[in-house]
Amino acid sequence: MSVSLIDGEKIFEKTCPHFFSMVHLYISWIYIGFVGFLSIFFRNDITSWIKSFPLIDQTEGFVFLGIWVLALIVPGCVVSFIRINWGWLLLALFLSIVGVCTHVWQKEILEYSLNFAQEQKVCQNIDDILHRYFPLYDALKQKLTITEISNYWLILVSFTGLFLANSYRRSHRYYITNRRIITRFGFWITRERDLLYSKIDDLVAHQGLLGKIFGFGTLIPISASGIGTGSDQAIWMAGAEQKLPVGPSLKITMGGGRTVTVPRAPSFYSLYGVPNPEYLRNIMLKEMEKREYGYTRRAAEKQKE
């Protein structure tokens, strides 16, 4: 879907989020693959450590599987809480369930996969490609056992997630023209925001430590409708309960809170993590200034008439 320009409009800059602006996505997917790699290469060491505890030497397989599940779910809870997005917890639960199921039916899955690959005559081709382009393939091949299917599953999901994360970043497209700011997101379903400079009440710039190092930042144009703002809430509550001599207990609860409006917008409604934010900000401020002083001049001319 191309950008439809209005009469006399021209594009000054076309950009998308910087690679490191969404590094949290890449780290999350890399961690998933990291769990799989560690489980493959250090399974014997972890199992020996588990056996060192009394009364566990007969159930080390279940204990190892429990640690494996916790290594996914606990970080998923932490990331979901920090990012305020429970999708990461649901992903961790999904990976854990699939991993446990593949561990239970690992023998049947491996036999079916090998039979299918042999029938299609793709084993040798895949083996040659992996040996040529994947340096760790030989080490992984030596550890190829039916007990590692769940970890190969994590590695596959990790690589797929990295590809999808990069595609998600590149699906954000921002256009700075001489008339408006256009933000667009999506491949098949497109979200688009067109904001004329005359409708912008404020332009907020945010640049964190990583942005200062690699040269990117977020620009949030705030309109009169309030798009580009959010709220932070601080809430406290206190309660007490007293058991009465006769009848039910008496409960008293008090609470209070404070809401602060702050600049905040989704990545597809703001210029999220764009390279050279100061340069883009100056372009937009100059266009905003032209319209501000243009309206003032025309209003003064009308008063003189």
C-alpha atoms as a PDB file:
ATOM      1  CA  MET A   1       0.000   0.000   0.000  1.00  0.00           C
ATOM      2  CA  SER A   2       1.669   3.182  -1.230  1.00  0.00           C
ATOM      3  CA  VAL A   3       1.366   6.617   0.333  1.00  0.00           C
ATOM      4  CA  SER A   4      -1.204   8.851  -1.335  1.00  0.00           C
ATOM      5  CA  LEU A   5       0.082  12.414  -1.346  1.00  0.00           C
ATOM      6  CA  ILE A   6      -2.162  15.441  -1.595  1.00  0.00           C
ATOM      7  CA  ASP A   7      -1.574  18.307  -4.040  1.00  0.00           C
ATOM      8  CA  GLY A   8       1.716  20.064  -3.390  1.00  0.00           C
ATOM      9  CA  GLU A   9       2.841  17.533  -0.793  1.00  0.00           C
ATOM     10  CA  LYS A  10       6.322  16.045  -0.787  1.00  0.00           C
ATOM     11  CA  ILE A  11       8.069  13.569   1.486  1.00  0.00           C
ATOM     12  CA  PHE A  12      11.023  14.900   3.476  1.00  0.00           C
ATOM     13  CA  GLU A  13      11.974  11.688   5.271  1.00  0.00           C
ATOM     14  CA  LYS A  14      10.896   8.046   5.302  1.00  0.00           C
ATOM     15  CA  THR A  15      12.043   5.935   8.230  1.00  0.00           C
ATOM     16  CA  CYS A  16      11.248   3.036  10.569  1.00  0.00           C
ATOM     17  CA  PRO A  17      12.305   2.105  14.128  1.00  0.00           C
ATOM     18  CA  HIS A  18      16.011   1.629  14.756  1.00  0.00           C
ATOM     19  CA  PHE A  19      17.208  -1.962  15.147  1.00  0.00           C
ATOM     20  CA  PHE A  20      18.108  -1.493  18.818  1.00  0.00           C
ATOM     21  CA  SER A  21      14.854   0.330  19.641  1.00  0.00           C
ATOM     22  CA  MET A  22      13.119  -3.057  19.975  1.00  0.00           C
ATOM     23  CA  VAL A  23      16.034  -4.907  21.488  1.00  0.00           C
ATOM     24  CA  HIS A  24      13.749  -6.164  24.274  1.00  0.00           C
ATOM     25  CA  LEU A  25      11.929  -8.298  21.686  1.00  0.00           C
ATOM     26  CA  TYR A  26      15.155  -9.802  20.378  1.00  0.00           C
ATOM     27  CA  ILE A  27      16.438 -10.519  23.881  1.00  0.00           C
ATOM     28  CA  SER A  28      13.195 -12.285  24.808  1.00  0.00           C
ATOM     29  CA  TRP A  29      13.377 -14.603  21.799  1.00  0.00           C
ATOM     30  CA  ILE A  30      17.121 -15.178  22.231  1.00  0.00           C
ATOM     31  CA  TYR A  31      16.502 -16.187  25.849  1.00  0.00           C
ATOM     32  CA  ILE A  32      14.069 -18.892  24.708  1.00  0.00           C
ATOM     33  CA  GLY A  33      16.722 -20.381  22.445  1.00  0.00           C
ATOM     34  CA  PHE A  34      19.307 -19.931  25.197  1.00  0.00           C
ATOM     35  CA  VAL A  35      17.252 -22.174  27.493  1.00  0.00           C
ATOM     36  CA  GLY A  36      17.238 -24.851  24.790  1.00  0.00           C
ATOM     37  CA  PHE A  37      21.011 -24.621  24.204  1.00  0.00           C
ATOM     38  CA  LEU A  38      21.835 -24.796  27.899  1.00  0.00           C
ATOM     39  CA  SER A  39      19.525 -27.764  28.380  1.00  0.00           C
ATOM     40  CA  ILE A  40      21.270 -29.643  25.567  1.00  0.00           C
ATOM     41  CA  PHE A  41      24.901 -28.915  26.395  1.00  0.00           C
ATOM     42  CA  PHE A  42      24.667 -28.954  30.202  1.00  0.00           C
ATOM     43  CA  ARG A  43      21.989 -31.595  30.789  1.00  0.00           C
ATOM     44  CA  ASN A  44      24.471 -34.020  32.365  1.00  0.00           C
ATOM     45  CA  ASP A  45      25.893 -31.358  34.678  1.00  0.00           C
ATOM     46  CA  ILE A  46      22.445 -30.201  35.755  1.00  0.00           C
ATOM     47  CA  THR A  47      21.301 -33.797  36.273  1.00  0.00           C
ATOM     48  CA  SER A  48      24.381 -34.551  38.408  1.00  0.00           C
ATOM     49  CA  TRP A  49      23.669 -31.449  40.498  1.00  0.00           C
ATOM     50  CA  ILE A  50      20.066 -32.579  41.000  1.00  0.00           C
ATOM     51  CA  LYS A  51      21.205 -36.074  42.051  1.00  0.00           C
ATOM     52  CA  SER A  52      23.410 -34.546  44.739  1.00  0.00           C
ATOM     53  CA  PHE A  53      20.288 -33.740  46.754  1.00  0.00           C
ATOM     54  CA  PRO A  54      18.935 -36.561  48.919  1.00  0.00           C
ATOM     55  CA  LEU A  55      15.752 -38.401  47.903  1.00  0.00           C
ATOM     56  CA  ILE A  56      15.843 -36.947  44.370  1.00  0.00           C
ATOM     57  CA  ASP A  57      18.222 -39.331  42.641  1.00  0.00           C
ATOM     58  CA  GLN A  58      15.295 -41.470  41.406  1.00  0.00           C
ATOM     59  CA  THR A  59      13.232 -38.570  40.082  1.00  0.00           C
ATOM     60  CA  GLU A  60      15.894 -36.364  38.516  1.00  0.00           C
ATOM     61  CA  GLY A  61      14.100 -36.463  35.148  1.00  0.00           C
ATOM     62  CA  PHE A  62      10.922 -34.911  36.556  1.00  0.00           C
ATOM     63  CA  VAL A  63      12.917 -32.371  38.580  1.00  0.00           C
ATOM     64  CA  PHE A  64      14.884 -31.366  35.480  1.00  0.00           C
ATOM     65  CA  LEU A  65      11.634 -30.955  33.539  1.00  0.00           C
ATOM     66  CA  GLY A  66      10.237 -28.813  36.367  1.00  0.00           C
ATOM     67  CA  ILE A  67      13.309 -26.545  36.306  1.00  0.00           C
ATOM     68  CA  TRP A  68      12.981 -26.341  32.512  1.00  0.00           C
ATOM     69  CA  VAL A  69       9.351 -25.220  32.811  1.00  0.00           C
ATOM     70  CA  LEU A  70      10.158 -22.657  35.529  1.00  0.00           C
ATOM     71  CA  ALA A  71      12.981 -21.251  33.379  1.00  0.00           C
ATOM     72  CA  LEU A  72      10.299 -20.307  30.857  1.00  0.00           C
ATOM     73  CA  ILE A  73       7.340 -19.309  33.031  1.00  0.00           C
ATOM     74  CA  VAL A  74       9.121 -17.164  35.654  1.00  0.00           C
ATOM     75  CA  PRO A  75      10.782 -14.821  33.092  1.00  0.00           C
ATOM     76  CA  GLY A  76       7.486 -14.783  31.189  1.00  0.00           C
ATOM     77  CA  CYS A  77       5.736 -13.464  34.307  1.00  0.00           C
ATOM     78  CA  VAL A  78       8.432 -10.848  34.884  1.00  0.00           C
ATOM     79  CA  VAL A  79       8.397  -9.592  31.284  1.00  0.00           C
ATOM     80  CA  SER A  80       4.571  -9.532  31.218  1.00  0.00           C
ATOM     81  CA  PHE A  81       4.508  -7.442  34.394  1.00  0.00           C
ATOM     82  CA  ILE A  82       7.176  -5.002  33.181  1.00  0.00           C
ATOM     83  CA  ARG A  83       5.814  -4.627  29.650  1.00  0.00           C
ATOM     84  CA  ILE A  84       2.157  -4.774  30.807  1.00  0.00           C
ATOM     85  CA  ASN A  85       1.548  -7.407  28.149  1.00  0.00           C
ATOM     86  CA  TRP A  86       0.327 -10.826  29.273  1.00  0.00           C
ATOM     87  CA  GLY A  87       1.054 -12.265  25.848  1.00  0.00           C
ATOM     88  CA  TRP A  88       4.557 -13.168  27.017  1.00  0.00           C
ATOM     89  CA  LEU A  89       3.166 -15.240  29.896  1.00  0.00           C
ATOM     90  CA  LEU A  90       0.758 -16.994  27.527  1.00  0.00           C
ATOM     91  CA  LEU A  91       3.675 -17.705  25.184  1.00  0.00           C
ATOM     92  CA  ALA A  92       5.703 -19.164  28.062  1.00  0.00           C
ATOM     93  CA  LEU A  93       2.767 -21.376  29.078  1.00  0.00           C
ATOM     94  CA  PHE A  94       2.296 -22.510  25.471  1.00  0.00           C
ATOM     95  CA  LEU A  95       5.994 -23.377  25.074  1.00  0.00           C
ATOM     96  CA  SER A  96       5.978 -25.225  28.388  1.00  0.00           C
ATOM     97  CA  ILE A  97       2.890 -27.281  27.503  1.00  0.00           C
ATOM     98  CA  VAL A  98       4.223 -28.191  24.063  1.00  0.00           C
ATOM     99  CA  GLY A  99       7.637 -28.998  25.557  1.00  0.00           C
ATOM    100  CA  VAL A 100       6.156 -31.301  28.199  1.00  0.00           C
ATOM    101  CA  CYS A 101       3.972 -33.035  25.593  1.00  0.00           C
ATOM    102  CA  THR A 102       6.937 -33.583  23.260  1.00  0.00           C
ATOM    103  CA  HIS A 103       8.913 -34.944  26.215  1.00  0.00           C
ATOM    104  CA  VAL A 104       6.140 -37.442  26.974  1.00  0.00           C
ATOM    105  CA  TRP A 105       5.644 -38.531  23.349  1.00  0.00           C
ATOM    106  CA  GLN A 106       9.202 -37.904  22.200  1.00  0.00           C
ATOM    107  CA  LYS A 107       9.841 -41.403  20.901  1.00  0.00           C
ATOM    108  CA  GLU A 108       6.750 -41.452  18.698  1.00  0.00           C
ATOM    109  CA  ILE A 109       7.466 -37.938  17.368  1.00  0.00           C
ATOM    110  CA  LEU A 110      11.073 -38.767  16.475  1.00  0.00           C
ATOM    111  CA  GLU A 111      10.148 -42.011  14.701  1.00  0.00           C
ATOM    112  CA  TYR A 112       7.451 -40.290  12.662  1.00  0.00           C
ATOM    113  CA  SER A 113       9.757 -37.404  11.719  1.00  0.00           C
ATOM    114  CA  LEU A 114      12.590 -39.672  10.604  1.00  0.00           C
ATOM    115  CA  ASN A 115      10.270 -41.882   8.548  1.00  0.00           C
ATOM    116  CA  PHE A 116       8.738 -38.847   6.863  1.00  0.00           C
ATOM    117  CA  ALA A 117      12.150 -37.310   6.091  1.00  0.00           C
ATOM    118  CA  GLN A 118      13.466 -40.574   4.636  1.00  0.00           C
ATOM    119  CA  GLU A 119      10.407 -40.972   2.432  1.00  0.00           C
ATOM    120  CA  GLN A 120      10.812 -37.434   1.100  1.00  0.00           C
ATOM    121  CA  LYS A 121      14.605 -37.874   0.662  1.00  0.00           C
ATOM    122  CA  VAL A 122      15.416 -34.593   2.336  1.00  0.00           C
ATOM    123  CA  CYS A 123      17.647 -35.775   5.190  1.00  0.00           C
ATOM    124  CA  GLN A 124      20.916 -35.655   3.269  1.00  0.00           C
ATOM    125  CA  ASN A 125      20.232 -32.230   1.746  1.00  0.00           C
ATOM    126  CA  ILE A 126      19.307 -30.706   5.098  1.00  0.00           C
ATOM    127  CA  ASP A 127      22.344 -32.301   6.727  1.00  0.00           C
ATOM    128  CA  ASP A 128      24.683 -30.801   4.096  1.00  0.00           C
ATOM    129  CA  ILE A 129      23.141 -27.328   4.404  1.00  0.00           C
ATOM    130  CA  LEU A 130      23.302 -27.298   8.214  1.00  0.00           C
ATOM    131  CA  HIS A 131      26.883 -28.613   8.209  1.00  0.00           C
ATOM    132  CA  ARG A 132      27.945 -25.832   5.831  1.00  0.00           C
ATOM    133  CA  TYR A 133      26.186 -22.798   7.301  1.00  0.00           C
ATOM    134  CA  PHE A 134      25.636 -23.662  10.976  1.00  0.00           C
ATOM    135  CA  PRO A 135      28.933 -23.920  12.931  1.00  0.00           C
ATOM    136  CA  LEU A 136      27.374 -25.544  16.001  1.00  0.00           C
ATOM    137  CA  TYR A 137      25.561 -28.211  13.989  1.00  0.00           C
ATOM    138  CA  ASP A 138      28.225 -30.900  14.466  1.00  0.00           C
ATOM    139  CA  ALA A 139      28.169 -30.453  18.249  1.00  0.00           C
ATOM    140  CA  LEU A 140      24.377 -30.544  18.248  1.00  0.00           C
ATOM    141  CA  LYS A 141      24.331 -33.588  15.988  1.00  0.00           C
ATOM    142  CA  GLN A 142      26.434 -35.553  18.465  1.00  0.00           C
ATOM    143  CA  LYS A 143      23.876 -34.775  21.161  1.00  0.00           C
ATOM    144  CA  LEU A 144      20.866 -35.647  18.975  1.00  0.00           C
ATOM    145  CA  THR A 145      18.781 -37.887  21.190  1.00  0.00           C
ATOM    146  CA  ILE A 146      15.069 -38.292  21.703  1.00  0.00           C
ATOM    147  CA  THR A 147      15.370 -36.585  25.102  1.00  0.00           C
ATOM    148  CA  GLU A 148      16.267 -33.266  23.434  1.00  0.00           C
ATOM    149  CA  ILE A 149      13.224 -32.799  21.171  1.00  0.00           C
ATOM    150  CA  SER A 150      11.658 -30.233  23.500  1.00  0.00           C
ATOM    151  CA  ASN A 151      14.900 -28.201  23.426  1.00  0.00           C
ATOM    152  CA  TYR A 152      15.101 -28.327  19.630  1.00  0.00           C
ATOM    153  CA  TRP A 153      11.548 -27.041  19.717  1.00  0.00           C
ATOM    154  CA  LEU A 154      12.687 -24.038  21.775  1.00  0.00           C
ATOM    155  CA  ILE A 155      15.568 -23.326  19.387  1.00  0.00           C
ATOM    156  CA  LEU A 156      13.225 -23.469  16.390  1.00  0.00           C
ATOM    157  CA  VAL A 157      10.767 -21.122  18.092  1.00  0.00           C
ATOM    158  CA  SER A 158      13.625 -18.782  18.992  1.00  0.00           C
ATOM    159  CA  PHE A 159      14.819 -18.404  15.396  1.00  0.00           C
ATOM    160  CA  THR A 160      11.243 -18.004  14.165  1.00  0.00           C
ATOM    161  CA  GLY A 161      10.565 -15.390  16.825  1.00  0.00           C
ATOM    162  CA  LEU A 162      13.689 -13.401  15.884  1.00  0.00           C
ATOM    163  CA  PHE A 163      12.548 -13.309  12.275  1.00  0.00           C
ATOM    164  CA  LEU A 164       9.030 -12.228  13.262  1.00  0.00           C
ATOM    165  CA  ALA A 165      10.387  -9.588  15.669  1.00  0.00           C
ATOM    166  CA  ASN A 166      12.480  -8.037  12.917  1.00  0.00           C
ATOM    167  CA  SER A 167       9.505  -8.157  10.545  1.00  0.00           C
ATOM    168  CA  TYR A 168       7.375  -6.472  13.218  1.00  0.00           C
ATOM    169  CA  ARG A 169       9.945  -3.683  13.566  1.00  0.00           C
ATOM    170  CA  ARG A 170      10.168  -3.123   9.827  1.00  0.00           C
ATOM    171  CA  SER A 171       6.380  -3.114   9.481  1.00  0.00           C
ATOM    172  CA  HIS A 172       6.387   0.305  11.184  1.00  0.00           C
ATOM    173  CA  ARG A 173       6.784   3.011   8.523  1.00  0.00           C
ATOM    174  CA  TYR A 174       6.915   6.739   9.220  1.00  0.00           C
ATOM    175  CA  TYR A 175       6.687   9.493   6.615  1.00  0.00           C
ATOM    176  CA  ILE A 176       7.545  13.130   7.325  1.00  0.00           C
ATOM    177  CA  THR A 177       6.081  15.420   4.650  1.00  0.00           C
ATOM    178  CA  ASN A 178       5.665  19.177   4.282  1.00  0.00           C
ATOM    179  CA  ARG A 179       1.975  18.886   5.237  1.00  0.00           C
ATOM    180  CA  ARG A 180       1.602  16.107   7.790  1.00  0.00           C
ATOM    181  CA  ILE A 181       3.064  13.171   9.683  1.00  0.00           C
ATOM    182  CA  ILE A 182       2.033   9.717   8.473  1.00  0.00           C
ATOM    183  CA  THR A 183       2.522   6.667  10.713  1.00  0.00           C
ATOM    184  CA  ARG A 184       1.674   3.260   9.324  1.00  0.00           C
ATOM    185  CA  PHE A 185       1.863  -0.258  10.732  1.00  0.00           C
ATOM    186  CA  GLY A 186       1.049  -3.723   9.436  1.00  0.00           C
ATOM    187  CA  PHE A 187       1.260  -5.951   6.382  1.00  0.00           C
ATOM    188  CA  TRP A 188      -2.191  -7.415   5.729  1.00  0.00           C
ATOM    189  CA  ILE A 189      -4.126  -5.292   8.225  1.00  0.00           C
ATOM    190  CA  THR A 190      -2.864  -1.718   8.145  1.00  0.00           C
ATOM    191  CA  ARG A 191      -3.187   0.902  10.858  1.00  0.00           C
ATOM    192  CA  GLU A 192      -2.478   4.435   9.752  1.00  0.00           C
ATOM    193  CA  ARG A 193      -2.464   7.830  11.424  1.00  0.00           C
ATOM    194  CA  ASP A 194      -2.358  11.089   9.450  1.00  0.00           C
ATOM    195  CA  LEU A 195      -1.703  14.172  11.537  1.00  0.00           C
ATOM    196  CA  LEU A 196      -1.566  17.652  10.028  1.00  0.00           C
ATOM    197  CA  TYR A 197       1.020  19.979  11.555  1.00  0.00           C
ATOM    198  CA  SER A 198      -1.731  22.491  12.309  1.00  0.00           C
ATOM    199  CA  LYS A 199      -3.399  19.901  14.594  1.00  0.00           C
ATOM    200  CA  ILE A 200      -0.302  19.213  16.704  1.00  0.00           C
ATOM    201  CA  ASP A 201      -0.429  20.887  20.106  1.00  0.00           C
ATOM    202  CA  ASP A 202       2.835  19.509  21.421  1.00  0.00           C
ATOM    203  CA  LEU A 203       5.795  17.444  20.240  1.00  0.00           C
ATOM    204  CA  VAL A 204       7.507  15.339  22.899  1.00  0.00           C
ATOM    205  CA  ALA A 205      10.908  13.700  22.430  1.00  0.00           C
ATOM    206  CA  HIS A 206      12.165  10.803  24.539  1.00  0.00           C
ATOM    207  CA  GLN A 207      15.647   9.284  24.338  1.00  0.00           C
ATOM    208  CA  GLY A 208      16.892   6.685  26.789  1.00  0.00           C
ATOM    209  CA  LEU A 209      20.439   5.585  27.531  1.00  0.00           C
ATOM    210  CA  LEU A 210      20.492   3.011  24.734  1.00  0.00           C
ATOM    211  CA  GLY A 211      19.054   5.611  22.369  1.00  0.00           C
ATOM    212  CA  LYS A 212      21.825   8.068  23.216  1.00  0.00           C
ATOM    213  CA  ILE A 213      24.456   5.420  22.534  1.00  0.00           C
ATOM    214  CA  PHE A 214      23.072   4.245  19.191  1.00  0.00           C
ATOM    215  CA  GLY A 215      21.372   7.449  18.075  1.00  0.00           C
ATOM    216  CA  PHE A 216      17.637   6.806  18.167  1.00  0.00           C
ATOM    217  CA  GLY A 217      14.650   8.128  20.100  1.00  0.00           C
ATOM    218  CA  THR A 218      10.870   8.382  20.169  1.00  0.00           C
ATOM    219  CA  LEU A 219       8.878  11.413  19.022  1.00  0.00           C
ATOM    220  CA  ILE A 220       5.262  11.674  20.203  1.00  0.00           C
ATOM    221  CA  PRO A 221       3.068  14.244  18.437  1.00  0.00           C
ATOM    222  CA  ILE A 222       0.183  15.158  20.755  1.00  0.00           C
ATOM    223  CA  SER A 223      -3.041  16.363  19.164  1.00  0.00           C
ATOM    224  CA  ALA A 224      -5.925  18.307  20.655  1.00  0.00           C
ATOM    225  CA  SER A 225      -7.946  15.084  20.832  1.00  0.00           C
ATOM    226  CA  GLY A 226      -5.456  13.724  23.369  1.00  0.00           C
ATOM    227  CA  ILE A 227      -3.926  11.043  21.142  1.00  0.00           C
ATOM    228  CA  GLY A 228      -0.344  10.671  22.297  1.00  0.00           C
ATOM    229  CA  THR A 229      -1.035  10.842  26.018  1.00  0.00           C
ATOM    230  CA  GLY A 230      -1.567   8.170  28.642  1.00  0.00           C
ATOM    231  CA  SER A 231      -1.695   7.969  32.408  1.00  0.00           C
ATOM    232  CA  ASP A 232       0.400   6.576  35.220  1.00  0.00           C
ATOM    233  CA  GLN A 233      -1.490   5.492  38.318  1.00  0.00           C
ATOM    234  CA  ALA A 234      -0.246   5.182  41.877  1.00  0.00           C
ATOM    235  CA  ILE A 235      -2.774   3.460  44.156  1.00  0.00           C
ATOM    236  CA  TRP A 236      -2.540   2.452  47.809  1.00  0.00           C
ATOM    237  CA  MET A 237      -5.023   0.539  49.946  1.00  0.00           C
ATOM    238  CA  ALA A 238      -5.153  -0.456  53.589  1.00  0.00           C
ATOM    239  CA  GLY A 239      -7.611  -2.660  55.410  1.00  0.00           C
ATOM    240  CA  ALA A 240      -8.383  -4.036  58.825  1.00  0.00           C
ATOM    241  CA  GLU A 241     -10.610  -6.809  60.115  1.00  0.00           C
ATOM    242  CA  GLN A 242     -12.042  -7.228  63.568  1.00  0.00           C
ATOM    243  CA  LYS A 243     -13.891 -10.318  64.754  1.00  0.00           C
ATOM    244  CA  LEU A 244     -17.031  -9.299  66.623  1.00  0.00           C
ATOM    245  CA  PRO A 245     -18.186 -11.226  69.722  1.00  0.00           C
ATOM    246  CA  VAL A 246     -21.385 -12.221  67.958  1.00  0.00           C
ATOM    247  CA  GLY A 247     -22.065 -12.404  64.253  1.00  0.00           C
ATOM    248  CA  PRO A 248     -19.810 -11.728  61.274  1.00  0.00           C
ATOM    249  CA  SER A 249     -16.508  -9.926  61.374  1.00  0.00           C
ATOM    250  CA  LEU A 250     -16.200  -6.191  60.706  1.00  0.00           C
ATOM    251  CA  LYS A 251     -14.012  -5.167  57.766  1.00  0.00           C
ATOM    252  CA  ILE A 252     -12.799  -1.626  57.027  1.00  0.00           C
ATOM    253  CA  THR A 253     -10.915  -0.748  53.861  1.00  0.00           C
ATOM    254  CA  MET A 254      -9.489   2.629  52.861  1.00  0.00           C
ATOM    255  CA  GLY A 255      -7.804   3.540  49.621  1.00  0.00           C
ATOM    256  CA  GLY A 256      -6.490   6.388  47.584  1.00  0.00           C
ATOM    257  CA  GLY A 257      -4.618   7.077  44.409  1.00  0.00           C
ATOM    258  CA  ARG A 258      -3.227   9.582  41.995  1.00  0.00           C
ATOM    259  CA  THR A 259      -3.249   9.690  38.211  1.00  0.00           C
ATOM    260  CA  VAL A 260      -0.648  11.606  36.211  1.00  0.00           C
ATOM    261  CA  THR A 261      -1.078  12.261  32.489  1.00  0.00           C
ATOM    262  CA  VAL A 262       2.132  11.584  30.576  1.00  0.00           C
ATOM    263  CA  PRO A 263       3.152  11.494  26.891  1.00  0.00           C
ATOM    264  CA  ARG A 264       2.530   7.960  25.722  1.00  0.00           C
ATOM    265  CA  ALA A 265       1.333   6.337  22.521  1.00  0.00           C
ATOM    266  CA  PRO A 266       1.538   2.945  20.792  1.00  0.00           C
ATOM    267  CA  SER A 267       4.448   2.434  18.428  1.00  0.00           C
ATOM    268  CA  PHE A 268       2.158   2.807  15.411  1.00  0.00           C
ATOM    269  CA  TYR A 269       0.711   6.156  16.614  1.00  0.00           C
ATOM    270  CA  SER A 270       4.086   7.731  17.402  1.00  0.00           C
ATOM    271  CA  LEU A 271       7.493   7.835  15.756  1.00  0.00           C
ATOM    272  CA  TYR A 272       8.898   5.047  17.897  1.00  0.00           C
ATOM    273  CA  GLY A 273      12.667   4.584  18.161  1.00  0.00           C
ATOM    274  CA  VAL A 274      13.469   6.473  14.961  1.00  0.00           C
ATOM    275  CA  PRO A 275      17.100   7.145  13.949  1.00  0.00           C
ATOM    276  CA  ASN A 276      18.299  10.761  14.128  1.00  0.00           C
ATOM    277  CA  PRO A 277      15.366  11.952  16.254  1.00  0.00           C
ATOM    278  CA  GLU A 278      16.763  15.474  16.648  1.00  0.00           C
ATOM    279  CA  TYR A 279      16.944  15.943  12.873  1.00  0.00           C
ATOM    280  CA  LEU A 280      13.356  14.736  12.387  1.00  0.00           C
ATOM    281  CA  ARG A 281      12.176  16.860  15.302  1.00  0.00           C
ATOM    282  CA  ASN A 282      13.681  19.986  13.751  1.00  0.00           C
ATOM    283  CA  ILE A 283      11.916  19.285  10.438  1.00  0.00           C
ATOM    284  CA  MET A 284       8.565  18.941  12.167  1.00  0.00           C
ATOM    285  CA  LEU A 285       9.090  22.019  14.361  1.00  0.00           C
ATOM    286  CA  LYS A 286       9.905  24.150  11.315  1.00  0.00           C
ATOM    287  CA  GLU A 287       6.705  23.036   9.581  1.00  0.00           C
ATOM    288  CA  MET A 288       4.699  23.634  12.756  1.00  0.00           C
ATOM    289  CA  GLU A 289       6.262  27.086  13.076  1.00  0.00           C
ATOM    290  CA  LYS A 290       5.306  27.996   9.497  1.00  0.00           C
ATOM    291  CA  ARG A 291       1.672  27.230  10.173  1.00  0.00           C
ATOM    292  CA  GLU A 292       1.617  28.892  13.593  1.00  0.00           C
ATOM    293  CA  TYR A 293       3.034  32.169  12.336  1.00  0.00           C
ATOM    294  CA  GLY A 294       1.076  31.899   9.106  1.00  0.00           C
ATOM    295  CA  TYR A 295      -2.214  31.735  11.003  1.00  0.00           C
ATOM    296  CA  THR A 296      -1.133  34.615  13.229  1.00  0.00           C
ATOM    297  CA  ARG A 297      -0.187  36.775  10.236  1.00  0.00           C
ATOM    298  CA  ARG A 298      -3.430  36.082   8.393  1.00  0.00           C
ATOM    299  CA  ALA A 299      -5.452  36.832  11.534  1.00  0.00           C
ATOM    300  CA  ALA A 300      -3.637  40.147  11.921  1.00  0.00           C
ATOM    301  CA  GLU A 301      -4.271  41.022   8.284  1.00  0.00           C
ATOM    302  CA  LYS A 302      -7.982  40.310   8.677  1.00  0.00           C
ATOM    303  CA  GLN A 303      -8.160  42.593  11.722  1.00  0.00           C
ATOM    304  CA  LYS A 304      -6.541  45.448   9.747  1.00  0.00           C
ATOM    305  CA  GLU A 305      -9.115  45.027   6.991  1.00  0.00           C
END
